[in-house]
Amino acid sequence: FPAAPFNCTVFPPNVQPISTNAEIVRVTAVV
């Protein structure tokens, strides 16, 4: 992944991410 900050989408495995099963998060730090 790139250096923070960046946004990414988090969703359950084995599904297509859509608004009812996914969340967009802001990554502010990566360690």
PDB file of all heavy atoms in Angstrom:
ATOM      1  N   PHE A   1       0.837  -1.199   0.000  1.00  0.00           N
ATOM      2  CA  PHE A   1       0.000   0.000   0.000  1.00  0.00           C
ATOM      3  C   PHE A   1       0.871   1.248   0.000  1.00  0.00           C
ATOM      4  O   PHE A   1       2.028   1.205   0.415  1.00  0.00           O
ATOM      5  CB  PHE A   1      -0.928  -0.025   1.220  1.00  0.00           C
ATOM      6  CG  PHE A   1      -2.012  -1.060   1.096  1.00  0.00           C
ATOM      7  CD1 PHE A   1      -1.762  -2.382   1.425  1.00  0.00           C
ATOM      8  CD2 PHE A   1      -3.266  -0.720   0.620  1.00  0.00           C
ATOM      9  CE1 PHE A   1      -2.747  -3.353   1.286  1.00  0.00           C
ATOM     10  CE2 PHE A   1      -4.253  -1.682   0.482  1.00  0.00           C
ATOM     11  CZ  PHE A   1      -3.998  -2.990   0.816  1.00  0.00           C
ATOM     12  N   PRO A   2       0.316   2.381  -0.464  1.00  0.00           N
ATOM     13  CA  PRO A   2       1.107   3.611  -0.514  1.00  0.00           C
ATOM     14  C   PRO A   2       1.341   4.176   0.881  1.00  0.00           C
ATOM     15  O   PRO A   2       0.753   3.712   1.859  1.00  0.00           O
ATOM     16  CB  PRO A   2       0.226   4.549  -1.345  1.00  0.00           C
ATOM     17  CG  PRO A   2      -1.161   4.082  -1.089  1.00  0.00           C
ATOM     18  CD  PRO A   2      -1.050   2.581  -0.947  1.00  0.00           C
ATOM     19  N   ALA A   3       2.160   5.197   0.953  1.00  0.00           N
ATOM     20  CA  ALA A   3       2.343   5.919   2.204  1.00  0.00           C
ATOM     21  C   ALA A   3       1.031   6.601   2.575  1.00  0.00           C
ATOM     22  O   ALA A   3       0.319   7.108   1.706  1.00  0.00           O
ATOM     23  CB  ALA A   3       3.457   6.940   2.053  1.00  0.00           C
ATOM     24  N   ALA A   4       0.703   6.593   3.854  1.00  0.00           N
ATOM     25  CA  ALA A   4      -0.511   7.264   4.335  1.00  0.00           C
ATOM     26  C   ALA A   4      -0.333   8.765   4.179  1.00  0.00           C
ATOM     27  O   ALA A   4       0.796   9.259   4.202  1.00  0.00           O
ATOM     28  CB  ALA A   4      -0.766   6.886   5.786  1.00  0.00           C
ATOM     29  N   PRO A   5      -1.422   9.495   3.991  1.00  0.00           N
ATOM     30  CA  PRO A   5      -2.817   9.062   4.071  1.00  0.00           C
ATOM     31  C   PRO A   5      -3.366   8.609   2.723  1.00  0.00           C
ATOM     32  O   PRO A   5      -2.926   9.062   1.674  1.00  0.00           O
ATOM     33  CB  PRO A   5      -3.541  10.321   4.540  1.00  0.00           C
ATOM     34  CG  PRO A   5      -2.768  11.445   3.928  1.00  0.00           C
ATOM     35  CD  PRO A   5      -1.317  10.958   3.911  1.00  0.00           C
ATOM     36  N   PHE A   6      -4.352   7.712   2.800  1.00  0.00           N
ATOM     37  CA  PHE A   6      -5.086   7.271   1.619  1.00  0.00           C
ATOM     38  C   PHE A   6      -6.387   6.631   2.082  1.00  0.00           C
ATOM     39  O   PHE A   6      -6.543   6.283   3.246  1.00  0.00           O
ATOM     40  CB  PHE A   6      -4.264   6.273   0.779  1.00  0.00           C
ATOM     41  CG  PHE A   6      -3.856   5.028   1.515  1.00  0.00           C
ATOM     42  CD1 PHE A   6      -4.675   3.903   1.515  1.00  0.00           C
ATOM     43  CD2 PHE A   6      -2.660   4.978   2.204  1.00  0.00           C
ATOM     44  CE1 PHE A   6      -4.295   2.748   2.194  1.00  0.00           C
ATOM     45  CE2 PHE A   6      -2.270   3.825   2.878  1.00  0.00           C
ATOM     46  CZ  PHE A   6      -3.093   2.713   2.875  1.00  0.00           C
ATOM     47  N   ASN A   7      -7.338   6.511   1.176  1.00  0.00           N
ATOM     48  CA  ASN A   7      -8.592   5.834   1.467  1.00  0.00           C
ATOM     49  C   ASN A   7      -8.538   4.424   0.913  1.00  0.00           C
ATOM     50  O   ASN A   7      -7.857   4.168  -0.085  1.00  0.00           O
ATOM     51  CB  ASN A   7      -9.788   6.559   0.837  1.00  0.00           C
ATOM     52  CG  ASN A   7     -10.151   7.834   1.560  1.00  0.00           C
ATOM     53  OD1 ASN A   7      -9.536   8.189   2.557  1.00  0.00           O
ATOM     54  ND2 ASN A   7     -11.141   8.534   1.066  1.00  0.00           N
ATOM     55  N   CYS A   8      -9.256   3.515   1.545  1.00  0.00           N
ATOM     56  CA  CYS A   8      -9.410   2.181   0.980  1.00  0.00           C
ATOM     57  C   CYS A   8     -10.785   1.637   1.349  1.00  0.00           C
ATOM     58  O   CYS A   8     -11.457   2.154   2.240  1.00  0.00           O
ATOM     59  CB  CYS A   8      -8.287   1.240   1.397  1.00  0.00           C
ATOM     60  SG  CYS A   8      -8.193   0.830   3.110  1.00  0.00           S
ATOM     61  N   THR A   9     -11.196   0.634   0.638  1.00  0.00           N
ATOM     62  CA  THR A   9     -12.499   0.013   0.844  1.00  0.00           C
ATOM     63  C   THR A   9     -12.306  -1.314   1.559  1.00  0.00           C
ATOM     64  O   THR A   9     -11.479  -2.123   1.154  1.00  0.00           O
ATOM     65  CB  THR A   9     -13.199  -0.221  -0.512  1.00  0.00           C
ATOM     66  OG1 THR A   9     -13.272   1.029  -1.202  1.00  0.00           O
ATOM     67  CG2 THR A   9     -14.601  -0.773  -0.316  1.00  0.00           C
ATOM     68  N   VAL A  10     -13.085  -1.507   2.614  1.00  0.00           N
ATOM     69  CA  VAL A  10     -13.025  -2.729   3.405  1.00  0.00           C
ATOM     70  C   VAL A  10     -14.360  -3.448   3.222  1.00  0.00           C
ATOM     71  O   VAL A  10     -15.425  -2.843   3.354  1.00  0.00           O
ATOM     72  CB  VAL A  10     -12.799  -2.410   4.895  1.00  0.00           C
ATOM     73  CG1 VAL A  10     -12.730  -3.670   5.730  1.00  0.00           C
ATOM     74  CG2 VAL A  10     -11.543  -1.562   5.066  1.00  0.00           C
ATOM     75  N   PHE A  11     -14.295  -4.760   2.901  1.00  0.00           N
ATOM     76  CA  PHE A  11     -15.520  -5.520   2.666  1.00  0.00           C
ATOM     77  C   PHE A  11     -15.275  -6.987   2.975  1.00  0.00           C
ATOM     78  O   PHE A  11     -14.134  -7.444   3.011  1.00  0.00           O
ATOM     79  CB  PHE A  11     -16.016  -5.328   1.224  1.00  0.00           C
ATOM     80  CG  PHE A  11     -15.020  -5.683   0.168  1.00  0.00           C
ATOM     81  CD1 PHE A  11     -15.011  -6.938  -0.419  1.00  0.00           C
ATOM     82  CD2 PHE A  11     -14.073  -4.750  -0.259  1.00  0.00           C
ATOM     83  CE1 PHE A  11     -14.093  -7.261  -1.409  1.00  0.00           C
ATOM     84  CE2 PHE A  11     -13.150  -5.061  -1.241  1.00  0.00           C
ATOM     85  CZ  PHE A  11     -13.158  -6.327  -1.820  1.00  0.00           C
ATOM     86  N   PRO A  12     -16.356  -7.755   3.196  1.00  0.00           N
ATOM     87  CA  PRO A  12     -16.201  -9.171   3.526  1.00  0.00           C
ATOM     88  C   PRO A  12     -15.610  -9.960   2.357  1.00  0.00           C
ATOM     89  O   PRO A  12     -15.747  -9.561   1.200  1.00  0.00           O
ATOM     90  CB  PRO A  12     -17.639  -9.649   3.791  1.00  0.00           C
ATOM     91  CG  PRO A  12     -18.447  -8.422   3.958  1.00  0.00           C
ATOM     92  CD  PRO A  12     -17.754  -7.335   3.211  1.00  0.00           C
ATOM     93  N   PRO A  13     -14.975 -11.087   2.668  1.00  0.00           N
ATOM     94  CA  PRO A  13     -14.422 -11.904   1.590  1.00  0.00           C
ATOM     95  C   PRO A  13     -15.516 -12.543   0.744  1.00  0.00           C
ATOM     96  O   PRO A  13     -16.642 -12.725   1.202  1.00  0.00           O
ATOM     97  CB  PRO A  13     -13.617 -12.982   2.330  1.00  0.00           C
ATOM     98  CG  PRO A  13     -14.230 -13.051   3.679  1.00  0.00           C
ATOM     99  CD  PRO A  13     -14.742 -11.669   3.978  1.00  0.00           C
ATOM    100  N   ASN A  14     -15.177 -12.832  -0.490  1.00  0.00           N
ATOM    101  CA  ASN A  14     -16.054 -13.578  -1.408  1.00  0.00           C
ATOM    102  C   ASN A  14     -17.342 -12.858  -1.786  1.00  0.00           C
ATOM    103  O   ASN A  14     -18.336 -13.499  -2.114  1.00  0.00           O
ATOM    104  CB  ASN A  14     -16.380 -14.966  -0.835  1.00  0.00           C
ATOM    105  CG  ASN A  14     -15.125 -15.749  -0.545  1.00  0.00           C
ATOM    106  OD1 ASN A  14     -14.213 -15.792  -1.361  1.00  0.00           O
ATOM    107  ND2 ASN A  14     -15.063 -16.343   0.629  1.00  0.00           N
ATOM    108  N   VAL A  15     -17.327 -11.521  -1.727  1.00  0.00           N
ATOM    109  CA  VAL A  15     -18.479 -10.736  -2.187  1.00  0.00           C
ATOM    110  C   VAL A  15     -17.964  -9.542  -2.978  1.00  0.00           C
ATOM    111  O   VAL A  15     -16.809  -9.134  -2.821  1.00  0.00           O
ATOM    112  CB  VAL A  15     -19.373 -10.229  -1.031  1.00  0.00           C
ATOM    113  CG1 VAL A  15     -19.953 -11.371  -0.231  1.00  0.00           C
ATOM    114  CG2 VAL A  15     -18.636  -9.263  -0.131  1.00  0.00           C
ATOM    115  N   GLN A  16     -18.819  -8.986  -3.812  1.00  0.00           N
ATOM    116  CA  GLN A  16     -18.508  -7.737  -4.491  1.00  0.00           C
ATOM    117  C   GLN A  16     -18.796  -6.604  -3.513  1.00  0.00           C
ATOM    118  O   GLN A  16     -19.835  -6.600  -2.863  1.00  0.00           O
ATOM    119  CB  GLN A  16     -19.374  -7.563  -5.738  1.00  0.00           C
ATOM    120  CG  GLN A  16     -19.034  -8.529  -6.834  1.00  0.00           C
ATOM    121  CD  GLN A  16     -17.766  -8.118  -7.566  1.00  0.00           C
ATOM    122  OE1 GLN A  16     -16.780  -7.722  -6.975  1.00  0.00           O
ATOM    123  NE2 GLN A  16     -17.791  -8.228  -8.864  1.00  0.00           N
ATOM    124  N   PRO A  17     -17.900  -5.629  -3.358  1.00  0.00           N
ATOM    125  CA  PRO A  17     -18.175  -4.524  -2.445  1.00  0.00           C
ATOM    126  C   PRO A  17     -19.253  -3.594  -3.016  1.00  0.00           C
ATOM    127  O   PRO A  17     -19.134  -3.105  -4.140  1.00  0.00           O
ATOM    128  CB  PRO A  17     -16.833  -3.808  -2.329  1.00  0.00           C
ATOM    129  CG  PRO A  17     -16.110  -4.151  -3.580  1.00  0.00           C
ATOM    130  CD  PRO A  17     -16.583  -5.521  -3.983  1.00  0.00           C
ATOM    131  N   ILE A  18     -20.297  -3.406  -2.247  1.00  0.00           N
ATOM    132  CA  ILE A  18     -21.362  -2.458  -2.577  1.00  0.00           C
ATOM    133  C   ILE A  18     -21.674  -1.656  -1.319  1.00  0.00           C
ATOM    134  O   ILE A  18     -21.192  -1.986  -0.231  1.00  0.00           O
ATOM    135  CB  ILE A  18     -22.628  -3.162  -3.131  1.00  0.00           C
ATOM    136  CG1 ILE A  18     -23.173  -4.171  -2.122  1.00  0.00           C
ATOM    137  CG2 ILE A  18     -22.322  -3.848  -4.458  1.00  0.00           C
ATOM    138  CD1 ILE A  18     -24.492  -4.802  -2.528  1.00  0.00           C
ATOM    139  N   SER A  19     -22.480  -0.641  -1.449  1.00  0.00           N
ATOM    140  CA  SER A  19     -22.714   0.274  -0.329  1.00  0.00           C
ATOM    141  C   SER A  19     -23.318  -0.402   0.897  1.00  0.00           C
ATOM    142  O   SER A  19     -23.167   0.097   2.005  1.00  0.00           O
ATOM    143  CB  SER A  19     -23.607   1.435  -0.770  1.00  0.00           C
ATOM    144  OG  SER A  19     -24.881   0.957  -1.157  1.00  0.00           O
ATOM    145  N   THR A  20     -23.973  -1.524   0.747  1.00  0.00           N
ATOM    146  CA  THR A  20     -24.595  -2.187   1.890  1.00  0.00           C
ATOM    147  C   THR A  20     -23.695  -3.201   2.591  1.00  0.00           C
ATOM    148  O   THR A  20     -24.051  -3.726   3.645  1.00  0.00           O
ATOM    149  CB  THR A  20     -25.905  -2.884   1.481  1.00  0.00           C
ATOM    150  OG1 THR A  20     -25.614  -3.813   0.429  1.00  0.00           O
ATOM    151  CG2 THR A  20     -26.939  -1.874   1.016  1.00  0.00           C
ATOM    152  N   ASN A  21     -22.507  -3.498   2.022  1.00  0.00           N
ATOM    153  CA  ASN A  21     -21.635  -4.473   2.674  1.00  0.00           C
ATOM    154  C   ASN A  21     -20.179  -4.005   2.758  1.00  0.00           C
ATOM    155  O   ASN A  21     -19.308  -4.779   3.150  1.00  0.00           O
ATOM    156  CB  ASN A  21     -21.702  -5.834   1.979  1.00  0.00           C
ATOM    157  CG  ASN A  21     -21.058  -5.836   0.607  1.00  0.00           C
ATOM    158  OD1 ASN A  21     -20.462  -4.865   0.164  1.00  0.00           O
ATOM    159  ND2 ASN A  21     -21.195  -6.937  -0.102  1.00  0.00           N
ATOM    160  N   ALA A  22     -19.913  -2.766   2.393  1.00  0.00           N
ATOM    161  CA  ALA A  22     -18.541  -2.270   2.381  1.00  0.00           C
ATOM    162  C   ALA A  22     -18.452  -0.925   3.093  1.00  0.00           C
ATOM    163  O   ALA A  22     -19.450  -0.213   3.241  1.00  0.00           O
ATOM    164  CB  ALA A  22     -18.055  -2.124   0.946  1.00  0.00           C
ATOM    165  N   GLU A  23     -17.256  -0.615   3.516  1.00  0.00           N
ATOM    166  CA  GLU A  23     -16.998   0.658   4.192  1.00  0.00           C
ATOM    167  C   GLU A  23     -15.727   1.266   3.618  1.00  0.00           C
ATOM    168  O   GLU A  23     -14.751   0.561   3.374  1.00  0.00           O
ATOM    169  CB  GLU A  23     -16.809   0.412   5.689  1.00  0.00           C
ATOM    170  CG  GLU A  23     -16.418   1.635   6.469  1.00  0.00           C
ATOM    171  CD  GLU A  23     -16.156   1.355   7.943  1.00  0.00           C
ATOM    172  OE1 GLU A  23     -16.302   0.203   8.391  1.00  0.00           O
ATOM    173  OE2 GLU A  23     -15.773   2.301   8.642  1.00  0.00           O
ATOM    174  N   ILE A  24     -15.743   2.573   3.410  1.00  0.00           N
ATOM    175  CA  ILE A  24     -14.538   3.288   3.011  1.00  0.00           C
ATOM    176  C   ILE A  24     -13.905   3.841   4.280  1.00  0.00           C
ATOM    177  O   ILE A  24     -14.581   4.473   5.096  1.00  0.00           O
ATOM    178  CB  ILE A  24     -14.847   4.415   2.012  1.00  0.00           C
ATOM    179  CG1 ILE A  24     -15.458   3.815   0.748  1.00  0.00           C
ATOM    180  CG2 ILE A  24     -13.576   5.207   1.690  1.00  0.00           C
ATOM    181  CD1 ILE A  24     -16.002   4.836  -0.226  1.00  0.00           C
ATOM    182  N   VAL A  25     -12.619   3.556   4.456  1.00  0.00           N
ATOM    183  CA  VAL A  25     -11.888   4.045   5.617  1.00  0.00           C
ATOM    184  C   VAL A  25     -10.743   4.928   5.152  1.00  0.00           C
ATOM    185  O   VAL A  25     -10.225   4.773   4.046  1.00  0.00           O
ATOM    186  CB  VAL A  25     -11.349   2.893   6.503  1.00  0.00           C
ATOM    187  CG1 VAL A  25     -12.490   2.053   7.049  1.00  0.00           C
ATOM    188  CG2 VAL A  25     -10.349   2.028   5.763  1.00  0.00           C
ATOM    189  N   ARG A  26     -10.354   5.846   5.997  1.00  0.00           N
ATOM    190  CA  ARG A  26      -9.198   6.710   5.750  1.00  0.00           C
ATOM    191  C   ARG A  26      -8.034   6.125   6.533  1.00  0.00           C
ATOM    192  O   ARG A  26      -8.110   5.988   7.758  1.00  0.00           O
ATOM    193  CB  ARG A  26      -9.500   8.133   6.215  1.00  0.00           C
ATOM    194  CG  ARG A  26      -8.379   9.109   6.016  1.00  0.00           C
ATOM    195  CD  ARG A  26      -8.434   9.624   4.630  1.00  0.00           C
ATOM    196  NE  ARG A  26      -7.475  10.713   4.423  1.00  0.00           N
ATOM    197  CZ  ARG A  26      -6.995  10.999   3.252  1.00  0.00           C
ATOM    198  NH1 ARG A  26      -7.375  10.326   2.186  1.00  0.00           N
ATOM    199  NH2 ARG A  26      -6.146  11.982   3.106  1.00  0.00           N
ATOM    200  N   VAL A  27      -6.990   5.736   5.842  1.00  0.00           N
ATOM    201  CA  VAL A  27      -5.809   5.217   6.509  1.00  0.00           C
ATOM    202  C   VAL A  27      -4.894   6.410   6.803  1.00  0.00           C
ATOM    203  O   VAL A  27      -4.469   7.113   5.893  1.00  0.00           O
ATOM    204  CB  VAL A  27      -5.086   4.169   5.641  1.00  0.00           C
ATOM    205  CG1 VAL A  27      -3.824   3.679   6.333  1.00  0.00           C
ATOM    206  CG2 VAL A  27      -6.021   3.005   5.331  1.00  0.00           C
ATOM    207  N   THR A  28      -4.626   6.643   8.085  1.00  0.00           N
ATOM    208  CA  THR A  28      -3.830   7.797   8.486  1.00  0.00           C
ATOM    209  C   THR A  28      -2.396   7.425   8.843  1.00  0.00           C
ATOM    210  O   THR A  28      -1.533   8.294   8.906  1.00  0.00           O
ATOM    211  CB  THR A  28      -4.479   8.520   9.679  1.00  0.00           C
ATOM    212  OG1 THR A  28      -4.586   7.608  10.778  1.00  0.00           O
ATOM    213  CG2 THR A  28      -5.848   9.063   9.294  1.00  0.00           C
ATOM    214  N   ALA A  29      -2.139   6.126   9.079  1.00  0.00           N
ATOM    215  CA  ALA A  29      -0.778   5.669   9.376  1.00  0.00           C
ATOM    216  C   ALA A  29      -0.676   4.184   9.045  1.00  0.00           C
ATOM    217  O   ALA A  29      -1.649   3.442   9.188  1.00  0.00           O
ATOM    218  CB  ALA A  29      -0.437   5.889  10.842  1.00  0.00           C
ATOM    219  N   VAL A  30       0.491   3.782   8.586  1.00  0.00           N
ATOM    220  CA  VAL A  30       0.785   2.374   8.331  1.00  0.00           C
ATOM    221  C   VAL A  30       2.098   2.055   9.035  1.00  0.00           C
ATOM    222  O   VAL A  30       3.108   2.705   8.803  1.00  0.00           O
ATOM    223  CB  VAL A  30       0.925   2.080   6.818  1.00  0.00           C
ATOM    224  CG1 VAL A  30       1.303   0.627   6.589  1.00  0.00           C
ATOM    225  CG2 VAL A  30      -0.342   2.436   6.066  1.00  0.00           C
ATOM    226  N   VAL A  31       2.046   1.067   9.915  1.00  0.00           N
ATOM    227  CA  VAL A  31       3.249   0.579  10.590  1.00  0.00           C
ATOM    228  C   VAL A  31       3.308  -0.920  10.335  1.00  0.00           C
ATOM    229  O   VAL A  31       2.505  -1.680  10.891  1.00  0.00           O
ATOM    230  CB  VAL A  31       3.234   0.885  12.099  1.00  0.00           C
ATOM    231  CG1 VAL A  31       4.470   0.311  12.768  1.00  0.00           C
ATOM    232  CG2 VAL A  31       3.138   2.391  12.346  1.00  0.00           C
TER     233      VAL A  31
END
